[in-house]
Amino acid sequence: MILHCVFCHFRDDVSEADKTAALKALEAFSLTLDGVESFKFGPNKDFEQKSQSYDQGFVIGFTNEDALHHYADHPKHKKLGGQLAQLCQGGGDGIIVFDLDV
């Protein structure tokens, strides 16, 4: 299984409603794809005080790398990812991605 972990540093002027709408759009799209087992998103609680600027994130569970590549190459992912980046501090620089093979 691949866990695709994405952490967002949203701009200060982005409303909670806009953050949630962007993440829900990614969730709705992702769950239509073969090989996607789960999509979870939420606020960063940052209990250890190590990532204060990354205020929200999401994790997608993929059955394998092929499913992740299909998602990553999909035109709808590219569109929604671009919209998400526009909401983040510094665009794409305001997003951290980890892909964990678990």
PDB file of N, CA and C in Angstrom:
ATOM      1  N   MET A   1       0.847  -1.181   0.000  1.00  0.00           N
ATOM      2  CA  MET A   1       0.000   0.000   0.000  1.00  0.00           C
ATOM      3  C   MET A   1       0.890   1.240   0.000  1.00  0.00           C
ATOM      4  N   ILE A   2       0.455   2.237  -0.724  1.00  0.00           N
ATOM      5  CA  ILE A   2       1.136   3.534  -0.740  1.00  0.00           C
ATOM      6  C   ILE A   2       0.240   4.544  -0.034  1.00  0.00           C
ATOM      7  N   LEU A   3       0.801   5.249   0.925  1.00  0.00           N
ATOM      8  CA  LEU A   3       0.113   6.369   1.561  1.00  0.00           C
ATOM      9  C   LEU A   3       0.661   7.656   0.973  1.00  0.00           C
ATOM     10  N   HIS A   4      -0.187   8.376   0.292  1.00  0.00           N
ATOM     11  CA  HIS A   4       0.155   9.658  -0.329  1.00  0.00           C
ATOM     12  C   HIS A   4      -0.263  10.740   0.664  1.00  0.00           C
ATOM     13  N   CYS A   5       0.725  11.331   1.337  1.00  0.00           N
ATOM     14  CA  CYS A   5       0.488  12.298   2.418  1.00  0.00           C
ATOM     15  C   CYS A   5       0.818  13.698   1.916  1.00  0.00           C
ATOM     16  N   VAL A   6      -0.138  14.605   2.032  1.00  0.00           N
ATOM     17  CA  VAL A   6       0.021  15.961   1.506  1.00  0.00           C
ATOM     18  C   VAL A   6      -0.297  16.945   2.621  1.00  0.00           C
ATOM     19  N   PHE A   7       0.620  17.889   2.847  1.00  0.00           N
ATOM     20  CA  PHE A   7       0.465  18.873   3.907  1.00  0.00           C
ATOM     21  C   PHE A   7       0.492  20.266   3.296  1.00  0.00           C
ATOM     22  N   CYS A   8      -0.491  21.092   3.682  1.00  0.00           N
ATOM     23  CA  CYS A   8      -0.708  22.393   3.033  1.00  0.00           C
ATOM     24  C   CYS A   8      -0.477  23.551   4.002  1.00  0.00           C
ATOM     25  N   HIS A   9       0.252  24.540   3.514  1.00  0.00           N
ATOM     26  CA  HIS A   9       0.433  25.817   4.220  1.00  0.00           C
ATOM     27  C   HIS A   9      -0.430  26.825   3.466  1.00  0.00           C
ATOM     28  N   PHE A  10      -1.683  26.908   3.878  1.00  0.00           N
ATOM     29  CA  PHE A  10      -2.610  27.800   3.198  1.00  0.00           C
ATOM     30  C   PHE A  10      -2.265  29.263   3.485  1.00  0.00           C
ATOM     31  N   ARG A  11      -2.551  30.120   2.510  1.00  0.00           N
ATOM     32  CA  ARG A  11      -2.375  31.563   2.696  1.00  0.00           C
ATOM     33  C   ARG A  11      -3.325  32.037   3.795  1.00  0.00           C
ATOM     34  N   ASP A  12      -2.944  33.090   4.477  1.00  0.00           N
ATOM     35  CA  ASP A  12      -3.751  33.623   5.578  1.00  0.00           C
ATOM     36  C   ASP A  12      -5.111  34.139   5.115  1.00  0.00           C
ATOM     37  N   ASP A  13      -5.205  34.560   3.862  1.00  0.00           N
ATOM     38  CA  ASP A  13      -6.457  35.136   3.374  1.00  0.00           C
ATOM     39  C   ASP A  13      -7.436  34.093   2.827  1.00  0.00           C
ATOM     40  N   VAL A  14      -7.100  32.819   2.900  1.00  0.00           N
ATOM     41  CA  VAL A  14      -7.972  31.758   2.402  1.00  0.00           C
ATOM     42  C   VAL A  14      -8.931  31.341   3.519  1.00  0.00           C
ATOM     43  N   SER A  15     -10.212  31.357   3.216  1.00  0.00           N
ATOM     44  CA  SER A  15     -11.224  31.022   4.217  1.00  0.00           C
ATOM     45  C   SER A  15     -11.245  29.515   4.486  1.00  0.00           C
ATOM     46  N   GLU A  16     -11.767  29.163   5.651  1.00  0.00           N
ATOM     47  CA  GLU A  16     -11.930  27.743   5.992  1.00  0.00           C
ATOM     48  C   GLU A  16     -12.843  27.062   4.979  1.00  0.00           C
ATOM     49  N   ALA A  17     -13.858  27.771   4.522  1.00  0.00           N
ATOM     50  CA  ALA A  17     -14.783  27.203   3.536  1.00  0.00           C
ATOM     51  C   ALA A  17     -14.059  26.883   2.230  1.00  0.00           C
ATOM     52  N   ASP A  18     -13.157  27.762   1.796  1.00  0.00           N
ATOM     53  CA  ASP A  18     -12.410  27.515   0.560  1.00  0.00           C
ATOM     54  C   ASP A  18     -11.428  26.361   0.722  1.00  0.00           C
ATOM     55  N   LYS A  19     -10.798  26.255   1.886  1.00  0.00           N
ATOM     56  CA  LYS A  19      -9.899  25.128   2.159  1.00  0.00           C
ATOM     57  C   LYS A  19     -10.678  23.816   2.086  1.00  0.00           C
ATOM     58  N   THR A  20     -11.786  23.770   2.787  1.00  0.00           N
ATOM     59  CA  THR A  20     -12.600  22.555   2.833  1.00  0.00           C
ATOM     60  C   THR A  20     -13.125  22.205   1.451  1.00  0.00           C
ATOM     61  N   ALA A  21     -13.554  23.191   0.687  1.00  0.00           N
ATOM     62  CA  ALA A  21     -14.078  22.925  -0.657  1.00  0.00           C
ATOM     63  C   ALA A  21     -13.003  22.309  -1.549  1.00  0.00           C
ATOM     64  N   ALA A  22     -11.787  22.818  -1.469  1.00  0.00           N
ATOM     65  CA  ALA A  22     -10.692  22.283  -2.283  1.00  0.00           C
ATOM     66  C   ALA A  22     -10.379  20.840  -1.898  1.00  0.00           C
ATOM     67  N   LEU A  23     -10.356  20.565  -0.611  1.00  0.00           N
ATOM     68  CA  LEU A  23     -10.051  19.214  -0.143  1.00  0.00           C
ATOM     69  C   LEU A  23     -11.192  18.243  -0.440  1.00  0.00           C
ATOM     70  N   LYS A  24     -12.426  18.704  -0.327  1.00  0.00           N
ATOM     71  CA  LYS A  24     -13.564  17.843  -0.652  1.00  0.00           C
ATOM     72  C   LYS A  24     -13.604  17.526  -2.150  1.00  0.00           C
ATOM     73  N   ALA A  25     -13.209  18.481  -2.982  1.00  0.00           N
ATOM     74  CA  ALA A  25     -13.160  18.227  -4.428  1.00  0.00           C
ATOM     75  C   ALA A  25     -12.117  17.157  -4.745  1.00  0.00           C
ATOM     76  N   LEU A  26     -10.962  17.236  -4.099  1.00  0.00           N
ATOM     77  CA  LEU A  26      -9.942  16.200  -4.289  1.00  0.00           C
ATOM     78  C   LEU A  26     -10.428  14.849  -3.783  1.00  0.00           C
ATOM     79  N   GLU A  27     -11.111  14.849  -2.668  1.00  0.00           N
ATOM     80  CA  GLU A  27     -11.650  13.605  -2.123  1.00  0.00           C
ATOM     81  C   GLU A  27     -12.655  12.984  -3.087  1.00  0.00           C
ATOM     82  N   ALA A  28     -13.610  13.796  -3.556  1.00  0.00           N
ATOM     83  CA  ALA A  28     -14.648  13.281  -4.449  1.00  0.00           C
ATOM     84  C   ALA A  28     -14.036  12.686  -5.710  1.00  0.00           C
ATOM     85  N   PHE A  29     -13.056  13.371  -6.281  1.00  0.00           N
ATOM     86  CA  PHE A  29     -12.387  12.861  -7.475  1.00  0.00           C
ATOM     87  C   PHE A  29     -11.617  11.577  -7.166  1.00  0.00           C
ATOM     88  N   SER A  30     -10.827  11.601  -6.121  1.00  0.00           N
ATOM     89  CA  SER A  30      -9.954  10.470  -5.793  1.00  0.00           C
ATOM     90  C   SER A  30     -10.742   9.184  -5.594  1.00  0.00           C
ATOM     91  N   LEU A  31     -11.859   9.292  -4.921  1.00  0.00           N
ATOM     92  CA  LEU A  31     -12.636   8.100  -4.595  1.00  0.00           C
ATOM     93  C   LEU A  31     -13.333   7.485  -5.805  1.00  0.00           C
ATOM     94  N   THR A  32     -13.252   8.143  -6.961  1.00  0.00           N
ATOM     95  CA  THR A  32     -13.802   7.558  -8.190  1.00  0.00           C
ATOM     96  C   THR A  32     -12.795   6.664  -8.890  1.00  0.00           C
ATOM     97  N   LEU A  33     -11.540   6.701  -8.480  1.00  0.00           N
ATOM     98  CA  LEU A  33     -10.478   5.987  -9.187  1.00  0.00           C
ATOM     99  C   LEU A  33     -10.263   4.578  -8.650  1.00  0.00           C
ATOM    100  N   ASP A  34      -9.999   3.654  -9.567  1.00  0.00           N
ATOM    101  CA  ASP A  34      -9.605   2.304  -9.159  1.00  0.00           C
ATOM    102  C   ASP A  34      -8.274   2.390  -8.413  1.00  0.00           C
ATOM    103  N   GLY A  35      -8.152   1.614  -7.367  1.00  0.00           N
ATOM    104  CA  GLY A  35      -6.903   1.559  -6.614  1.00  0.00           C
ATOM    105  C   GLY A  35      -6.822   2.554  -5.469  1.00  0.00           C
ATOM    106  N   VAL A  36      -7.852   3.386  -5.303  1.00  0.00           N
ATOM    107  CA  VAL A  36      -7.891   4.297  -4.159  1.00  0.00           C
ATOM    108  C   VAL A  36      -8.711   3.624  -3.062  1.00  0.00           C
ATOM    109  N   GLU A  37      -8.070   3.391  -1.929  1.00  0.00           N
ATOM    110  CA  GLU A  37      -8.732   2.704  -0.823  1.00  0.00           C
ATOM    111  C   GLU A  37      -9.328   3.660   0.205  1.00  0.00           C
ATOM    112  N   SER A  38      -8.739   4.851   0.327  1.00  0.00           N
ATOM    113  CA  SER A  38      -9.234   5.788   1.339  1.00  0.00           C
ATOM    114  C   SER A  38      -8.740   7.191   1.031  1.00  0.00           C
ATOM    115  N   PHE A  39      -9.451   8.165   1.567  1.00  0.00           N
ATOM    116  CA  PHE A  39      -9.064   9.570   1.499  1.00  0.00           C
ATOM    117  C   PHE A  39      -9.514  10.194   2.806  1.00  0.00           C
ATOM    118  N   LYS A  40      -8.573  10.730   3.554  1.00  0.00           N
ATOM    119  CA  LYS A  40      -8.866  11.392   4.826  1.00  0.00           C
ATOM    120  C   LYS A  40      -8.195  12.760   4.825  1.00  0.00           C
ATOM    121  N   PHE A  41      -8.917  13.775   5.307  1.00  0.00           N
ATOM    122  CA  PHE A  41      -8.300  15.095   5.433  1.00  0.00           C
ATOM    123  C   PHE A  41      -8.740  15.746   6.737  1.00  0.00           C
ATOM    124  N   GLY A  42      -7.951  16.727   7.164  1.00  0.00           N
ATOM    125  CA  GLY A  42      -8.305  17.439   8.378  1.00  0.00           C
ATOM    126  C   GLY A  42      -7.232  18.435   8.780  1.00  0.00           C
ATOM    127  N   PRO A  43      -7.481  19.125   9.881  1.00  0.00           N
ATOM    128  CA  PRO A  43      -6.540  20.124  10.373  1.00  0.00           C
ATOM    129  C   PRO A  43      -5.330  19.489  11.044  1.00  0.00           C
ATOM    130  N   ASN A  44      -4.231  20.194  11.010  1.00  0.00           N
ATOM    131  CA  ASN A  44      -3.007  19.772  11.680  1.00  0.00           C
ATOM    132  C   ASN A  44      -3.109  20.153  13.154  1.00  0.00           C
ATOM    133  N   LYS A  45      -3.108  19.189  14.025  1.00  0.00           N
ATOM    134  CA  LYS A  45      -3.145  19.458  15.465  1.00  0.00           C
ATOM    135  C   LYS A  45      -1.760  19.816  16.004  1.00  0.00           C
ATOM    136  N   ASP A  46      -0.709  19.378  15.335  1.00  0.00           N
ATOM    137  CA  ASP A  46       0.673  19.732  15.661  1.00  0.00           C
ATOM    138  C   ASP A  46       0.978  19.638  17.154  1.00  0.00           C
ATOM    139  N   PHE A  47       0.707  18.492  17.735  1.00  0.00           N
ATOM    140  CA  PHE A  47       0.910  18.297  19.173  1.00  0.00           C
ATOM    141  C   PHE A  47       2.359  18.504  19.606  1.00  0.00           C
ATOM    142  N   GLU A  48       3.309  18.285  18.697  1.00  0.00           N
ATOM    143  CA  GLU A  48       4.723  18.444  19.044  1.00  0.00           C
ATOM    144  C   GLU A  48       5.272  19.817  18.657  1.00  0.00           C
ATOM    145  N   GLN A  49       4.427  20.680  18.115  1.00  0.00           N
ATOM    146  CA  GLN A  49       4.827  22.039  17.741  1.00  0.00           C
ATOM    147  C   GLN A  49       6.004  22.051  16.760  1.00  0.00           C
ATOM    148  N   LYS A  50       5.902  21.256  15.704  1.00  0.00           N
ATOM    149  CA  LYS A  50       6.976  21.159  14.723  1.00  0.00           C
ATOM    150  C   LYS A  50       6.556  21.598  13.326  1.00  0.00           C
ATOM    151  N   SER A  51       5.264  21.837  13.116  1.00  0.00           N
ATOM    152  CA  SER A  51       4.806  22.146  11.759  1.00  0.00           C
ATOM    153  C   SER A  51       3.652  23.149  11.770  1.00  0.00           C
ATOM    154  N   GLN A  52       3.807  24.197  12.543  1.00  0.00           N
ATOM    155  CA  GLN A  52       2.732  25.159  12.747  1.00  0.00           C
ATOM    156  C   GLN A  52       2.193  25.768  11.457  1.00  0.00           C
ATOM    157  N   SER A  53       3.042  26.006  10.482  1.00  0.00           N
ATOM    158  CA  SER A  53       2.583  26.698   9.276  1.00  0.00           C
ATOM    159  C   SER A  53       1.775  25.790   8.349  1.00  0.00           C
ATOM    160  N   TYR A  54       1.874  24.483   8.512  1.00  0.00           N
ATOM    161  CA  TYR A  54       1.100  23.552   7.685  1.00  0.00           C
ATOM    162  C   TYR A  54      -0.190  23.243   8.424  1.00  0.00           C
ATOM    163  N   ASP A  55      -1.252  23.959   8.055  1.00  0.00           N
ATOM    164  CA  ASP A  55      -2.455  23.952   8.864  1.00  0.00           C
ATOM    165  C   ASP A  55      -3.462  22.856   8.527  1.00  0.00           C
ATOM    166  N   GLN A  56      -3.348  22.245   7.345  1.00  0.00           N
ATOM    167  CA  GLN A  56      -4.257  21.158   6.982  1.00  0.00           C
ATOM    168  C   GLN A  56      -3.526  20.174   6.083  1.00  0.00           C
ATOM    169  N   GLY A  57      -4.102  19.002   5.947  1.00  0.00           N
ATOM    170  CA  GLY A  57      -3.501  18.015   5.071  1.00  0.00           C
ATOM    171  C   GLY A  57      -4.461  16.894   4.749  1.00  0.00           C
ATOM    172  N   PHE A  58      -3.996  15.994   3.891  1.00  0.00           N
ATOM    173  CA  PHE A  58      -4.791  14.823   3.552  1.00  0.00           C
ATOM    174  C   PHE A  58      -3.885  13.644   3.253  1.00  0.00           C
ATOM    175  N   VAL A  59      -4.489  12.451   3.376  1.00  0.00           N
ATOM    176  CA  VAL A  59      -3.788  11.201   3.116  1.00  0.00           C
ATOM    177  C   VAL A  59      -4.684  10.346   2.229  1.00  0.00           C
ATOM    178  N   ILE A  60      -4.103   9.848   1.128  1.00  0.00           N
ATOM    179  CA  ILE A  60      -4.823   8.940   0.240  1.00  0.00           C
ATOM    180  C   ILE A  60      -4.130   7.585   0.308  1.00  0.00           C
ATOM    181  N   GLY A  61      -4.910   6.550   0.510  1.00  0.00           N
ATOM    182  CA  GLY A  61      -4.378   5.193   0.494  1.00  0.00           C
ATOM    183  C   GLY A  61      -4.571   4.573  -0.884  1.00  0.00           C
ATOM    184  N   PHE A  62      -3.458   4.200  -1.525  1.00  0.00           N
ATOM    185  CA  PHE A  62      -3.482   3.557  -2.838  1.00  0.00           C
ATOM    186  C   PHE A  62      -3.079   2.091  -2.696  1.00  0.00           C
ATOM    187  N   THR A  63      -3.677   1.230  -3.509  1.00  0.00           N
ATOM    188  CA  THR A  63      -3.339  -0.183  -3.451  1.00  0.00           C
ATOM    189  C   THR A  63      -1.901  -0.446  -3.857  1.00  0.00           C
ATOM    190  N   ASN A  64      -1.375   0.373  -4.779  1.00  0.00           N
ATOM    191  CA  ASN A  64      -0.014   0.158  -5.273  1.00  0.00           C
ATOM    192  C   ASN A  64       0.475   1.418  -5.989  1.00  0.00           C
ATOM    193  N   GLU A  65       1.722   1.369  -6.449  1.00  0.00           N
ATOM    194  CA  GLU A  65       2.310   2.525  -7.127  1.00  0.00           C
ATOM    195  C   GLU A  65       1.606   2.846  -8.437  1.00  0.00           C
ATOM    196  N   ASP A  66       1.148   1.828  -9.154  1.00  0.00           N
ATOM    197  CA  ASP A  66       0.445   2.085 -10.411  1.00  0.00           C
ATOM    198  C   ASP A  66      -0.795   2.946 -10.178  1.00  0.00           C
ATOM    199  N   ALA A  67      -1.534   2.666  -9.117  1.00  0.00           N
ATOM    200  CA  ALA A  67      -2.729   3.451  -8.799  1.00  0.00           C
ATOM    201  C   ALA A  67      -2.350   4.900  -8.482  1.00  0.00           C
ATOM    202  N   LEU A  68      -1.252   5.085  -7.751  1.00  0.00           N
ATOM    203  CA  LEU A  68      -0.783   6.441  -7.452  1.00  0.00           C
ATOM    204  C   LEU A  68      -0.385   7.171  -8.723  1.00  0.00           C
ATOM    205  N   HIS A  69       0.326   6.496  -9.616  1.00  0.00           N
ATOM    206  CA  HIS A  69       0.741   7.139 -10.870  1.00  0.00           C
ATOM    207  C   HIS A  69      -0.464   7.489 -11.735  1.00  0.00           C
ATOM    208  N   HIS A  70      -1.470   6.619 -11.759  1.00  0.00           N
ATOM    209  CA  HIS A  70      -2.686   6.919 -12.513  1.00  0.00           C
ATOM    210  C   HIS A  70      -3.332   8.197 -11.972  1.00  0.00           C
ATOM    211  N   TYR A  71      -3.427   8.304 -10.661  1.00  0.00           N
ATOM    212  CA  TYR A  71      -3.966   9.501 -10.003  1.00  0.00           C
ATOM    213  C   TYR A  71      -3.126  10.735 -10.352  1.00  0.00           C
ATOM    214  N   ALA A  72      -1.826  10.611 -10.190  1.00  0.00           N
ATOM    215  CA  ALA A  72      -0.933  11.758 -10.397  1.00  0.00           C
ATOM    216  C   ALA A  72      -0.963  12.256 -11.840  1.00  0.00           C
ATOM    217  N   ASP A  73      -1.119  11.356 -12.792  1.00  0.00           N
ATOM    218  CA  ASP A  73      -1.104  11.732 -14.208  1.00  0.00           C
ATOM    219  C   ASP A  73      -2.471  12.150 -14.737  1.00  0.00           C
ATOM    220  N   HIS A  74      -3.508  11.946 -13.955  1.00  0.00           N
ATOM    221  CA  HIS A  74      -4.868  12.230 -14.409  1.00  0.00           C
ATOM    222  C   HIS A  74      -5.073  13.740 -14.595  1.00  0.00           C
ATOM    223  N   PRO A  75      -5.667  14.170 -15.703  1.00  0.00           N
ATOM    224  CA  PRO A  75      -5.887  15.606 -15.934  1.00  0.00           C
ATOM    225  C   PRO A  75      -6.717  16.281 -14.839  1.00  0.00           C
ATOM    226  N   LYS A  76      -7.682  15.573 -14.285  1.00  0.00           N
ATOM    227  CA  LYS A  76      -8.501  16.177 -13.225  1.00  0.00           C
ATOM    228  C   LYS A  76      -7.667  16.403 -11.963  1.00  0.00           C
ATOM    229  N   HIS A  77      -6.745  15.485 -11.646  1.00  0.00           N
ATOM    230  CA  HIS A  77      -5.849  15.695 -10.504  1.00  0.00           C
ATOM    231  C   HIS A  77      -4.983  16.919 -10.748  1.00  0.00           C
ATOM    232  N   LYS A  78      -4.473  17.050 -11.954  1.00  0.00           N
ATOM    233  CA  LYS A  78      -3.613  18.200 -12.257  1.00  0.00           C
ATOM    234  C   LYS A  78      -4.389  19.508 -12.101  1.00  0.00           C
ATOM    235  N   LYS A  79      -5.646  19.519 -12.535  1.00  0.00           N
ATOM    236  CA  LYS A  79      -6.473  20.721 -12.389  1.00  0.00           C
ATOM    237  C   LYS A  79      -6.740  21.031 -10.914  1.00  0.00           C
ATOM    238  N   LEU A  80      -7.205  20.011 -10.172  1.00  0.00           N
ATOM    239  CA  LEU A  80      -7.518  20.228  -8.758  1.00  0.00           C
ATOM    240  C   LEU A  80      -6.264  20.537  -7.945  1.00  0.00           C
ATOM    241  N   GLY A  81      -5.152  19.887  -8.274  1.00  0.00           N
ATOM    242  CA  GLY A  81      -3.890  20.176  -7.592  1.00  0.00           C
ATOM    243  C   GLY A  81      -3.426  21.600  -7.839  1.00  0.00           C
ATOM    244  N   GLY A  82      -3.629  22.072  -9.065  1.00  0.00           N
ATOM    245  CA  GLY A  82      -3.286  23.459  -9.382  1.00  0.00           C
ATOM    246  C   GLY A  82      -4.134  24.442  -8.602  1.00  0.00           C
ATOM    247  N   GLN A  83      -5.419  24.128  -8.459  1.00  0.00           N
ATOM    248  CA  GLN A  83      -6.303  24.994  -7.675  1.00  0.00           C
ATOM    249  C   GLN A  83      -5.894  24.993  -6.204  1.00  0.00           C
ATOM    250  N   LEU A  84      -5.512  23.831  -5.693  1.00  0.00           N
ATOM    251  CA  LEU A  84      -5.042  23.746  -4.312  1.00  0.00           C
ATOM    252  C   LEU A  84      -3.772  24.578  -4.131  1.00  0.00           C
ATOM    253  N   ALA A  85      -2.846  24.457  -5.059  1.00  0.00           N
ATOM    254  CA  ALA A  85      -1.591  25.204  -4.967  1.00  0.00           C
ATOM    255  C   ALA A  85      -1.841  26.713  -4.955  1.00  0.00           C
ATOM    256  N   GLN A  86      -2.841  27.178  -5.691  1.00  0.00           N
ATOM    257  CA  GLN A  86      -3.147  28.611  -5.717  1.00  0.00           C
ATOM    258  C   GLN A  86      -3.593  29.128  -4.350  1.00  0.00           C
ATOM    259  N   LEU A  87      -4.093  28.232  -3.515  1.00  0.00           N
ATOM    260  CA  LEU A  87      -4.547  28.623  -2.184  1.00  0.00           C
ATOM    261  C   LEU A  87      -3.429  28.605  -1.151  1.00  0.00           C
ATOM    262  N   CYS A  88      -2.275  28.075  -1.536  1.00  0.00           N
ATOM    263  CA  CYS A  88      -1.179  27.894  -0.584  1.00  0.00           C
ATOM    264  C   CYS A  88      -0.137  29.000  -0.669  1.00  0.00           C
ATOM    265  N   GLN A  89       0.520  29.239   0.449  1.00  0.00           N
ATOM    266  CA  GLN A  89       1.592  30.227   0.535  1.00  0.00           C
ATOM    267  C   GLN A  89       2.711  29.837  -0.434  1.00  0.00           C
ATOM    268  N   GLY A  90       3.004  30.689  -1.391  1.00  0.00           N
ATOM    269  CA  GLY A  90       4.057  30.400  -2.351  1.00  0.00           C
ATOM    270  C   GLY A  90       3.658  29.403  -3.427  1.00  0.00           C
ATOM    271  N   GLY A  91       2.349  29.178  -3.592  1.00  0.00           N
ATOM    272  CA  GLY A  91       1.894  28.224  -4.604  1.00  0.00           C
ATOM    273  C   GLY A  91       2.294  26.808  -4.223  1.00  0.00           C
ATOM    274  N   GLY A  92       2.861  26.081  -5.180  1.00  0.00           N
ATOM    275  CA  GLY A  92       3.273  24.698  -4.933  1.00  0.00           C
ATOM    276  C   GLY A  92       4.316  24.569  -3.842  1.00  0.00           C
ATOM    277  N   ASP A  93       5.062  25.652  -3.574  1.00  0.00           N
ATOM    278  CA  ASP A  93       6.056  25.609  -2.491  1.00  0.00           C
ATOM    279  C   ASP A  93       5.400  25.522  -1.119  1.00  0.00           C
ATOM    280  N   GLY A  94       4.102  25.794  -1.044  1.00  0.00           N
ATOM    281  CA  GLY A  94       3.376  25.716   0.213  1.00  0.00           C
ATOM    282  C   GLY A  94       2.760  24.346   0.449  1.00  0.00           C
ATOM    283  N   ILE A  95       3.226  23.360  -0.318  1.00  0.00           N
ATOM    284  CA  ILE A  95       2.708  21.997  -0.196  1.00  0.00           C
ATOM    285  C   ILE A  95       3.877  21.029  -0.030  1.00  0.00           C
ATOM    286  N   ILE A  96       3.761  20.132   0.935  1.00  0.00           N
ATOM    287  CA  ILE A  96       4.739  19.061   1.130  1.00  0.00           C
ATOM    288  C   ILE A  96       4.045  17.742   0.831  1.00  0.00           C
ATOM    289  N   VAL A  97       4.730  16.878   0.082  1.00  0.00           N
ATOM    290  CA  VAL A  97       4.188  15.568  -0.266  1.00  0.00           C
ATOM    291  C   VAL A  97       5.152  14.479   0.187  1.00  0.00           C
ATOM    292  N   PHE A  98       4.606  13.472   0.873  1.00  0.00           N
ATOM    293  CA  PHE A  98       5.338  12.264   1.234  1.00  0.00           C
ATOM    294  C   PHE A  98       4.553  11.072   0.687  1.00  0.00           C
ATOM    295  N   ASP A  99       5.235  10.179  -0.009  1.00  0.00           N
ATOM    296  CA  ASP A  99       4.619   8.945  -0.462  1.00  0.00           C
ATOM    297  C   ASP A  99       5.303   7.803   0.276  1.00  0.00           C
ATOM    298  N   LEU A 100       4.561   7.168   1.166  1.00  0.00           N
ATOM    299  CA  LEU A 100       5.093   6.136   2.028  1.00  0.00           C
ATOM    300  C   LEU A 100       4.658   4.764   1.533  1.00  0.00           C
ATOM    301  N   ASP A 101       5.612   3.846   1.394  1.00  0.00           N
ATOM    302  CA  ASP A 101       5.330   2.468   1.027  1.00  0.00           C
ATOM    303  C   ASP A 101       5.175   1.688   2.328  1.00  0.00           C
ATOM    304  N   VAL A 102       3.927   1.353   2.673  1.00  0.00           N
ATOM    305  CA  VAL A 102       3.678   0.718   3.976  1.00  0.00           C
ATOM    306  C   VAL A 102       3.117  -0.680   3.819  1.00  0.00           C
TER     307      VAL A 102
END
